[in-house]
N, C-alpha and C. Protein backbone atom coordinates (compact mmCIF):
# COMPACT_ATOMS: atom_id res chain seq x y z
N UNK A 1 5.70 22.19 35.98
CA UNK A 1 5.94 21.94 34.59
C UNK A 1 6.00 23.29 33.88
N UNK A 2 7.03 23.44 33.10
CA UNK A 2 7.19 24.72 32.40
C UNK A 2 6.40 24.69 31.10
N UNK A 3 6.37 25.82 30.53
CA UNK A 3 5.62 25.99 29.29
C UNK A 3 6.23 25.14 28.16
N UNK A 4 7.53 25.09 28.08
CA UNK A 4 8.23 24.31 27.05
C UNK A 4 8.01 22.81 27.24
N UNK A 5 8.03 22.35 28.49
CA UNK A 5 7.79 20.93 28.75
C UNK A 5 6.37 20.54 28.35
N UNK A 6 5.42 21.39 28.65
CA UNK A 6 4.04 21.13 28.28
C UNK A 6 3.89 21.07 26.76
N UNK A 7 4.50 22.00 26.06
CA UNK A 7 4.45 22.03 24.60
C UNK A 7 5.07 20.76 24.00
N UNK A 8 6.21 20.32 24.52
CA UNK A 8 6.86 19.10 24.04
C UNK A 8 6.00 17.86 24.30
N UNK A 9 5.40 17.84 25.48
CA UNK A 9 4.55 16.70 25.81
C UNK A 9 3.33 16.63 24.90
N UNK A 10 2.72 17.77 24.62
CA UNK A 10 1.58 17.81 23.71
C UNK A 10 2.00 17.37 22.31
N UNK A 11 3.16 17.79 21.85
CA UNK A 11 3.65 17.39 20.54
C UNK A 11 3.85 15.88 20.46
N UNK A 12 4.40 15.27 21.46
CA UNK A 12 4.61 13.82 21.44
C UNK A 12 3.28 13.07 21.47
N UNK A 13 2.33 13.58 22.24
CA UNK A 13 1.02 12.93 22.30
C UNK A 13 0.31 13.03 20.95
N UNK A 14 0.36 14.21 20.35
CA UNK A 14 -0.29 14.40 19.05
C UNK A 14 0.35 13.52 17.98
N UNK A 15 1.67 13.43 17.97
CA UNK A 15 2.36 12.58 17.00
C UNK A 15 1.99 11.11 17.19
N UNK A 16 1.90 10.67 18.43
CA UNK A 16 1.55 9.26 18.66
C UNK A 16 0.11 8.98 18.24
N UNK A 17 -0.78 9.91 18.44
CA UNK A 17 -2.18 9.72 18.05
C UNK A 17 -2.30 9.67 16.53
N UNK A 18 -1.65 10.59 15.84
CA UNK A 18 -1.76 10.62 14.39
C UNK A 18 -1.01 9.48 13.71
N UNK A 19 0.01 8.90 14.34
CA UNK A 19 0.69 7.75 13.76
C UNK A 19 -0.19 6.51 13.83
N UNK A 20 -0.96 6.36 14.88
CA UNK A 20 -1.83 5.20 15.05
C UNK A 20 -3.08 5.28 14.18
N UNK A 21 -3.43 6.46 13.79
CA UNK A 21 -4.66 6.65 13.03
C UNK A 21 -4.46 6.24 11.58
N UNK A 22 -5.39 5.44 11.08
CA UNK A 22 -5.39 5.07 9.67
C UNK A 22 -6.64 5.65 9.04
N UNK A 23 -6.50 6.13 7.84
CA UNK A 23 -7.62 6.75 7.16
C UNK A 23 -8.39 5.69 6.41
N UNK A 24 -9.52 5.25 6.96
CA UNK A 24 -10.34 4.23 6.34
C UNK A 24 -11.29 4.80 5.30
N UNK A 25 -11.42 6.13 5.27
CA UNK A 25 -12.36 6.73 4.35
C UNK A 25 -11.87 6.65 2.90
N UNK A 26 -10.59 6.71 2.69
CA UNK A 26 -10.06 6.68 1.34
C UNK A 26 -9.88 5.24 0.87
N UNK A 27 -10.28 4.95 -0.35
CA UNK A 27 -10.09 3.59 -0.85
C UNK A 27 -8.61 3.29 -1.05
N UNK A 28 -8.30 2.01 -1.08
CA UNK A 28 -6.90 1.62 -1.24
C UNK A 28 -6.37 2.02 -2.60
N UNK A 29 -7.17 1.85 -3.62
CA UNK A 29 -6.76 2.26 -4.96
C UNK A 29 -7.18 3.72 -5.15
N UNK A 30 -6.24 4.56 -5.42
CA UNK A 30 -6.54 5.98 -5.59
C UNK A 30 -7.09 6.24 -6.98
N UNK A 31 -8.11 7.02 -7.05
CA UNK A 31 -8.69 7.46 -8.30
C UNK A 31 -8.57 8.97 -8.34
N UNK A 32 -8.04 9.51 -9.44
CA UNK A 32 -7.87 10.96 -9.56
C UNK A 32 -9.20 11.69 -9.53
N UNK A 33 -10.23 11.06 -10.09
CA UNK A 33 -11.54 11.70 -10.15
C UNK A 33 -12.13 11.90 -8.76
N UNK A 34 -11.84 10.97 -7.85
CA UNK A 34 -12.38 11.10 -6.49
C UNK A 34 -11.71 12.25 -5.75
N UNK A 35 -10.43 12.45 -5.98
CA UNK A 35 -9.76 13.56 -5.32
C UNK A 35 -10.21 14.90 -5.89
N UNK A 36 -10.54 14.93 -7.19
CA UNK A 36 -11.00 16.17 -7.80
C UNK A 36 -12.46 16.46 -7.50
N UNK A 37 -13.27 15.39 -7.38
CA UNK A 37 -14.71 15.53 -7.16
C UNK A 37 -15.09 14.74 -5.92
N UNK A 38 -15.05 15.33 -4.73
CA UNK A 38 -15.34 14.59 -3.50
C UNK A 38 -16.79 14.09 -3.42
N UNK A 39 -17.73 14.73 -4.13
CA UNK A 39 -19.12 14.26 -4.11
C UNK A 39 -19.24 12.89 -4.76
N UNK A 40 -18.35 12.58 -5.70
CA UNK A 40 -18.37 11.30 -6.38
C UNK A 40 -18.11 10.16 -5.40
N UNK A 41 -17.23 10.39 -4.46
CA UNK A 41 -16.93 9.37 -3.46
C UNK A 41 -18.16 9.05 -2.63
N UNK A 42 -18.91 10.05 -2.25
CA UNK A 42 -20.13 9.84 -1.46
C UNK A 42 -21.17 9.08 -2.27
N UNK A 43 -21.30 9.41 -3.56
CA UNK A 43 -22.26 8.71 -4.41
C UNK A 43 -21.88 7.24 -4.56
N UNK A 44 -20.60 6.96 -4.75
CA UNK A 44 -20.15 5.57 -4.87
C UNK A 44 -20.34 4.81 -3.57
N UNK A 45 -20.12 5.48 -2.46
CA UNK A 45 -20.33 4.85 -1.16
C UNK A 45 -21.81 4.54 -0.95
N UNK A 46 -22.69 5.43 -1.39
CA UNK A 46 -24.13 5.19 -1.27
C UNK A 46 -24.57 4.02 -2.15
N UNK A 47 -24.03 3.96 -3.37
CA UNK A 47 -24.44 2.90 -4.30
C UNK A 47 -23.82 1.55 -3.97
N UNK A 48 -22.56 1.54 -3.61
CA UNK A 48 -21.87 0.28 -3.32
C UNK A 48 -21.67 0.19 -1.81
N UNK A 49 -20.46 0.24 -1.36
CA UNK A 49 -20.13 0.24 0.06
C UNK A 49 -18.91 1.13 0.23
N UNK A 50 -18.47 1.39 1.45
CA UNK A 50 -17.22 2.14 1.59
C UNK A 50 -16.01 1.43 0.96
N UNK A 51 -16.12 0.13 0.75
CA UNK A 51 -15.05 -0.62 0.09
C UNK A 51 -15.36 -0.76 -1.40
N UNK A 52 -15.81 0.33 -2.04
CA UNK A 52 -16.22 0.25 -3.44
C UNK A 52 -15.08 -0.06 -4.38
N UNK A 53 -13.83 0.12 -3.95
CA UNK A 53 -12.71 -0.16 -4.84
C UNK A 53 -12.55 -1.65 -5.13
N UNK A 54 -13.23 -2.51 -4.37
CA UNK A 54 -13.21 -3.94 -4.65
C UNK A 54 -13.98 -4.26 -5.94
N UNK A 55 -14.93 -3.41 -6.32
CA UNK A 55 -15.79 -3.66 -7.46
C UNK A 55 -15.43 -2.82 -8.68
N UNK A 56 -14.73 -1.70 -8.47
CA UNK A 56 -14.47 -0.76 -9.55
C UNK A 56 -13.08 -0.98 -10.12
N UNK A 57 -13.03 -1.02 -11.46
CA UNK A 57 -11.76 -1.14 -12.15
C UNK A 57 -11.18 0.24 -12.42
N UNK A 58 -11.90 1.07 -13.16
CA UNK A 58 -11.46 2.43 -13.45
C UNK A 58 -12.66 3.37 -13.43
N UNK A 59 -12.34 4.65 -13.32
CA UNK A 59 -13.35 5.70 -13.41
C UNK A 59 -12.92 6.63 -14.53
N UNK A 60 -13.78 6.81 -15.52
CA UNK A 60 -13.48 7.69 -16.65
C UNK A 60 -14.29 8.97 -16.52
N UNK A 61 -13.60 10.09 -16.73
CA UNK A 61 -14.24 11.40 -16.74
C UNK A 61 -14.69 11.63 -18.17
N UNK A 62 -16.00 11.52 -18.43
CA UNK A 62 -16.51 11.48 -19.79
C UNK A 62 -16.81 12.86 -20.34
N UNK A 63 -17.56 13.68 -19.60
CA UNK A 63 -17.98 14.98 -20.12
C UNK A 63 -17.94 16.02 -19.00
N UNK A 64 -17.57 17.28 -19.38
CA UNK A 64 -17.52 18.32 -18.35
C UNK A 64 -18.87 18.91 -17.97
N UNK A 65 -19.79 19.06 -18.94
CA UNK A 65 -21.10 19.62 -18.65
C UNK A 65 -22.17 18.81 -19.34
N UNK A 66 -23.07 18.21 -18.68
CA UNK A 66 -23.06 17.95 -17.25
C UNK A 66 -21.94 16.98 -16.90
N UNK A 67 -21.38 17.16 -15.75
CA UNK A 67 -20.26 16.34 -15.33
C UNK A 67 -20.69 14.88 -15.30
N UNK A 68 -20.02 14.09 -16.14
CA UNK A 68 -20.41 12.69 -16.33
C UNK A 68 -19.20 11.80 -16.12
N UNK A 69 -19.43 10.72 -15.39
CA UNK A 69 -18.38 9.73 -15.12
C UNK A 69 -18.86 8.37 -15.59
N UNK A 70 -17.95 7.60 -16.20
CA UNK A 70 -18.23 6.20 -16.53
C UNK A 70 -17.49 5.36 -15.51
N UNK A 71 -18.22 4.56 -14.78
CA UNK A 71 -17.65 3.69 -13.76
C UNK A 71 -17.51 2.30 -14.38
N UNK A 72 -16.28 1.89 -14.62
CA UNK A 72 -16.01 0.58 -15.21
C UNK A 72 -15.80 -0.43 -14.08
N UNK A 73 -16.61 -1.46 -14.08
CA UNK A 73 -16.55 -2.47 -13.04
C UNK A 73 -15.53 -3.54 -13.42
N UNK A 74 -15.12 -4.32 -12.43
CA UNK A 74 -14.10 -5.34 -12.67
C UNK A 74 -14.60 -6.49 -13.52
N UNK A 75 -15.92 -6.65 -13.66
CA UNK A 75 -16.44 -7.73 -14.49
C UNK A 75 -16.65 -7.29 -15.94
N UNK A 76 -16.19 -6.11 -16.31
CA UNK A 76 -16.29 -5.65 -17.69
C UNK A 76 -17.52 -4.80 -17.97
N UNK A 77 -18.45 -4.73 -17.06
CA UNK A 77 -19.65 -3.91 -17.24
C UNK A 77 -19.35 -2.49 -16.79
N UNK A 78 -20.24 -1.54 -17.14
CA UNK A 78 -20.07 -0.17 -16.67
C UNK A 78 -21.42 0.49 -16.47
N UNK A 79 -21.41 1.61 -15.75
CA UNK A 79 -22.59 2.44 -15.59
C UNK A 79 -22.13 3.88 -15.50
N UNK A 80 -23.06 4.80 -15.65
CA UNK A 80 -22.73 6.23 -15.69
C UNK A 80 -23.26 6.93 -14.44
N UNK A 81 -22.51 7.92 -14.00
CA UNK A 81 -22.95 8.82 -12.94
C UNK A 81 -22.89 10.24 -13.50
N UNK A 82 -24.03 10.92 -13.51
CA UNK A 82 -24.13 12.28 -14.03
C UNK A 82 -24.41 13.19 -12.85
N UNK A 83 -23.60 14.26 -12.72
CA UNK A 83 -23.77 15.17 -11.59
C UNK A 83 -24.91 16.13 -11.87
N UNK A 84 -25.83 16.18 -10.94
CA UNK A 84 -26.94 17.11 -10.94
C UNK A 84 -26.63 18.09 -9.81
N UNK A 85 -27.07 19.34 -9.88
CA UNK A 85 -26.72 20.27 -8.79
C UNK A 85 -27.09 19.78 -7.39
N UNK A 86 -28.11 18.95 -7.28
CA UNK A 86 -28.49 18.44 -5.96
C UNK A 86 -27.76 17.15 -5.60
N UNK A 87 -27.63 16.24 -6.55
CA UNK A 87 -26.96 14.97 -6.30
C UNK A 87 -26.59 14.34 -7.63
N UNK A 88 -26.29 13.06 -7.62
CA UNK A 88 -25.93 12.36 -8.84
C UNK A 88 -27.14 11.61 -9.38
N UNK A 89 -27.12 11.39 -10.69
CA UNK A 89 -28.10 10.55 -11.37
C UNK A 89 -27.32 9.35 -11.87
N UNK A 90 -27.75 8.16 -11.49
CA UNK A 90 -27.09 6.94 -11.93
C UNK A 90 -27.83 6.40 -13.13
N UNK A 91 -27.10 6.13 -14.22
CA UNK A 91 -27.68 5.50 -15.40
C UNK A 91 -27.15 4.08 -15.45
N UNK A 92 -28.02 3.13 -15.09
CA UNK A 92 -27.63 1.73 -15.01
C UNK A 92 -28.55 0.95 -15.95
N UNK A 93 -27.96 0.29 -16.92
CA UNK A 93 -28.68 -0.53 -17.89
C UNK A 93 -29.78 0.27 -18.58
N UNK A 94 -29.51 1.52 -18.92
CA UNK A 94 -30.46 2.34 -19.66
C UNK A 94 -31.52 3.02 -18.83
N UNK A 95 -31.52 2.85 -17.54
CA UNK A 95 -32.51 3.49 -16.68
C UNK A 95 -31.84 4.53 -15.81
N UNK A 96 -32.56 5.61 -15.51
CA UNK A 96 -32.03 6.68 -14.68
C UNK A 96 -32.57 6.55 -13.26
N UNK A 97 -31.68 6.74 -12.30
CA UNK A 97 -32.05 6.69 -10.89
C UNK A 97 -31.49 7.95 -10.22
N UNK A 98 -32.36 8.77 -9.64
CA UNK A 98 -31.94 9.95 -8.90
C UNK A 98 -31.62 9.50 -7.49
N UNK A 99 -30.35 9.44 -7.16
CA UNK A 99 -29.97 8.81 -5.90
C UNK A 99 -30.20 9.70 -4.69
N UNK A 100 -30.77 10.89 -4.91
CA UNK A 100 -31.17 11.72 -3.78
C UNK A 100 -32.43 11.14 -3.14
N UNK A 101 -33.29 10.53 -3.95
CA UNK A 101 -34.51 9.89 -3.43
C UNK A 101 -34.16 8.51 -2.90
N UNK A 102 -34.62 8.21 -1.73
CA UNK A 102 -34.26 6.94 -1.09
C UNK A 102 -34.78 5.73 -1.86
N UNK A 103 -36.02 5.81 -2.35
CA UNK A 103 -36.55 4.65 -3.08
C UNK A 103 -35.81 4.43 -4.40
N UNK A 104 -35.41 5.49 -5.07
CA UNK A 104 -34.64 5.33 -6.31
C UNK A 104 -33.22 4.89 -6.02
N UNK A 105 -32.67 5.28 -4.87
CA UNK A 105 -31.36 4.79 -4.47
C UNK A 105 -31.40 3.29 -4.26
N UNK A 106 -32.45 2.80 -3.63
CA UNK A 106 -32.60 1.36 -3.42
C UNK A 106 -32.74 0.61 -4.74
N UNK A 107 -33.52 1.18 -5.66
CA UNK A 107 -33.67 0.56 -6.97
C UNK A 107 -32.34 0.56 -7.74
N UNK A 108 -31.57 1.64 -7.59
CA UNK A 108 -30.26 1.71 -8.24
C UNK A 108 -29.31 0.67 -7.64
N UNK A 109 -29.38 0.47 -6.34
CA UNK A 109 -28.53 -0.55 -5.70
C UNK A 109 -28.90 -1.95 -6.19
N UNK A 110 -30.19 -2.20 -6.37
CA UNK A 110 -30.63 -3.50 -6.89
C UNK A 110 -30.17 -3.69 -8.33
N UNK A 111 -30.30 -2.64 -9.15
CA UNK A 111 -29.86 -2.72 -10.54
C UNK A 111 -28.34 -2.91 -10.62
N UNK A 112 -27.62 -2.26 -9.73
CA UNK A 112 -26.16 -2.39 -9.71
C UNK A 112 -25.75 -3.78 -9.24
N UNK A 113 -26.48 -4.34 -8.29
CA UNK A 113 -26.20 -5.72 -7.86
C UNK A 113 -26.44 -6.69 -9.00
N UNK A 114 -27.48 -6.44 -9.78
CA UNK A 114 -27.75 -7.29 -10.94
C UNK A 114 -26.62 -7.14 -11.97
N UNK A 115 -26.14 -5.93 -12.16
CA UNK A 115 -25.04 -5.67 -13.10
C UNK A 115 -23.76 -6.35 -12.63
N UNK A 116 -23.53 -6.35 -11.34
CA UNK A 116 -22.33 -7.00 -10.80
C UNK A 116 -22.43 -8.52 -10.86
N UNK A 117 -23.64 -9.04 -10.89
CA UNK A 117 -23.81 -10.50 -10.90
C UNK A 117 -23.61 -11.11 -12.27
N UNK A 118 -23.44 -10.31 -13.30
CA UNK A 118 -23.27 -10.85 -14.64
C UNK A 118 -21.99 -11.65 -14.77
N UNK A 119 -21.02 -11.44 -13.93
CA UNK A 119 -19.80 -12.24 -13.95
C UNK A 119 -18.75 -11.66 -14.87
N UNK A 120 -17.64 -12.39 -14.93
CA UNK A 120 -16.51 -11.96 -15.73
C UNK A 120 -16.84 -12.04 -17.20
N UNK A 121 -16.38 -11.04 -17.93
CA UNK A 121 -16.52 -11.12 -19.38
C UNK A 121 -15.33 -11.89 -19.93
N UNK A 122 -15.57 -12.71 -20.93
CA UNK A 122 -14.53 -13.55 -21.48
C UNK A 122 -13.87 -12.87 -22.68
N UNK A 123 -12.58 -13.06 -22.80
CA UNK A 123 -11.88 -12.59 -23.98
C UNK A 123 -12.26 -13.50 -25.14
N UNK A 124 -12.05 -13.11 -26.39
CA UNK A 124 -12.42 -13.96 -27.52
C UNK A 124 -11.75 -15.33 -27.48
N UNK A 125 -10.50 -15.39 -27.02
CA UNK A 125 -9.80 -16.68 -26.93
C UNK A 125 -10.44 -17.57 -25.87
N UNK A 126 -10.78 -16.97 -24.71
CA UNK A 126 -11.41 -17.74 -23.64
C UNK A 126 -12.80 -18.22 -24.06
N UNK A 127 -13.54 -17.37 -24.78
CA UNK A 127 -14.87 -17.74 -25.24
C UNK A 127 -14.79 -18.91 -26.23
N UNK A 128 -13.80 -18.86 -27.13
CA UNK A 128 -13.63 -19.95 -28.10
C UNK A 128 -13.25 -21.25 -27.40
N UNK A 129 -12.36 -21.16 -26.40
CA UNK A 129 -11.97 -22.35 -25.65
C UNK A 129 -13.16 -22.94 -24.89
N UNK A 130 -14.01 -22.08 -24.33
CA UNK A 130 -15.19 -22.56 -23.61
C UNK A 130 -16.18 -23.23 -24.56
N UNK A 131 -16.32 -22.67 -25.77
CA UNK A 131 -17.22 -23.28 -26.75
C UNK A 131 -16.72 -24.64 -27.19
N UNK A 132 -15.42 -24.76 -27.44
CA UNK A 132 -14.88 -26.06 -27.87
C UNK A 132 -14.99 -27.09 -26.76
N UNK A 133 -14.76 -26.66 -25.51
CA UNK A 133 -14.90 -27.58 -24.38
C UNK A 133 -16.35 -28.05 -24.24
N UNK A 134 -17.29 -27.14 -24.43
CA UNK A 134 -18.71 -27.51 -24.35
C UNK A 134 -19.08 -28.45 -25.49
N UNK A 135 -18.54 -28.20 -26.67
CA UNK A 135 -18.83 -29.06 -27.82
C UNK A 135 -18.25 -30.45 -27.61
N UNK A 136 -17.05 -30.53 -27.02
CA UNK A 136 -16.43 -31.83 -26.76
C UNK A 136 -17.22 -32.63 -25.72
N UNK A 137 -17.68 -31.96 -24.68
CA UNK A 137 -18.46 -32.69 -23.67
C UNK A 137 -19.79 -33.15 -24.24
N UNK A 138 -20.38 -32.34 -25.11
CA UNK A 138 -21.63 -32.74 -25.75
C UNK A 138 -21.40 -33.94 -26.67
N UNK A 139 -20.30 -33.91 -27.42
CA UNK A 139 -19.99 -35.03 -28.32
C UNK A 139 -19.69 -36.29 -27.51
N UNK A 140 -19.02 -36.16 -26.38
CA UNK A 140 -18.72 -37.32 -25.53
C UNK A 140 -20.00 -37.94 -24.99
N UNK A 141 -20.98 -37.11 -24.65
CA UNK A 141 -22.24 -37.63 -24.15
C UNK A 141 -22.95 -38.46 -25.20
N UNK A 142 -22.90 -38.03 -26.46
CA UNK A 142 -23.56 -38.77 -27.52
C UNK A 142 -22.80 -40.05 -27.86
N UNK A 143 -21.47 -40.05 -27.73
CA UNK A 143 -20.67 -41.23 -28.05
C UNK A 143 -20.87 -42.33 -27.02
N UNK A 144 -21.13 -42.02 -25.78
CA UNK A 144 -21.25 -43.02 -24.74
C UNK A 144 -22.58 -43.75 -24.78
N UNK A 145 -23.57 -43.16 -25.39
CA UNK A 145 -24.87 -43.81 -25.46
C UNK A 145 -24.82 -44.94 -26.48
N UNK A 146 -25.49 -46.03 -26.16
CA UNK A 146 -25.56 -47.14 -27.10
C UNK A 146 -26.62 -46.81 -28.14
N UNK A 147 -26.36 -47.18 -29.37
CA UNK A 147 -27.35 -46.86 -30.40
C UNK A 147 -28.65 -47.61 -30.14
N UNK A 148 -29.74 -46.96 -30.40
CA UNK A 148 -31.06 -47.56 -30.19
C UNK A 148 -31.30 -48.61 -31.26
N UNK A 149 -31.97 -49.68 -30.87
CA UNK A 149 -32.26 -50.76 -31.80
C UNK A 149 -33.41 -50.34 -32.70
N UNK A 150 -33.19 -50.47 -33.98
CA UNK A 150 -34.22 -50.07 -34.92
C UNK A 150 -35.23 -51.20 -35.08
N UNK A 151 -36.51 -50.88 -35.17
CA UNK A 151 -37.51 -51.93 -35.35
C UNK A 151 -37.35 -52.57 -36.74
N UNK A 152 -37.64 -53.82 -36.79
CA UNK A 152 -37.53 -54.54 -38.07
C UNK A 152 -38.62 -54.06 -39.02
N UNK A 153 -38.27 -54.00 -40.27
CA UNK A 153 -39.24 -53.54 -41.24
C UNK A 153 -40.27 -54.64 -41.49
N UNK A 154 -41.47 -54.21 -41.62
CA UNK A 154 -42.54 -55.17 -41.88
C UNK A 154 -42.62 -55.44 -43.38
N UNK A 155 -42.68 -56.66 -43.72
CA UNK A 155 -42.80 -57.04 -45.13
C UNK A 155 -44.27 -57.19 -45.47
N UNK A 156 -44.61 -57.06 -46.72
CA UNK A 156 -46.02 -57.18 -47.09
C UNK A 156 -46.59 -58.56 -46.79
N UNK A 157 -45.77 -59.57 -46.71
CA UNK A 157 -46.26 -60.90 -46.42
C UNK A 157 -46.79 -61.02 -45.00
N UNK A 158 -46.17 -60.24 -44.04
CA UNK A 158 -46.59 -60.31 -42.65
C UNK A 158 -47.92 -59.62 -42.45
N UNK A 159 -48.30 -58.75 -43.29
CA UNK A 159 -49.57 -58.04 -43.13
C UNK A 159 -50.65 -58.84 -43.62
């Protein structure tokens, strides 16, 4: 085998390997902030899962110093990640969690799970429709009941 044949064979092998390889590390939805700040991706992976894009709607770059990000979730809630020289600080529901500490990371994950469990936020039109539907079902429940029989009034003669 000549030198050129070996080089061509290596090139074909390398191309076939790299074509089959898929990059699972990057989320399907690209966020500009993650490409600019790679530490943010690690923090989100620690707090959520490697599939964190299933839960995140947008990421807002809020302040340059200290570097602060607002993570908007798909259910309408949000939380903040503030970059500390050692790691990130998660501000979830008014509490700070230093995610470098394992116990605080676990508490932050629990708080984030609670935040995610709040469900979808309703638009004003949807909220009004839900209220009217609830009022109609309540009114229907009262209409189906038979009126209670009132006791007869006692006359002074009966006493």
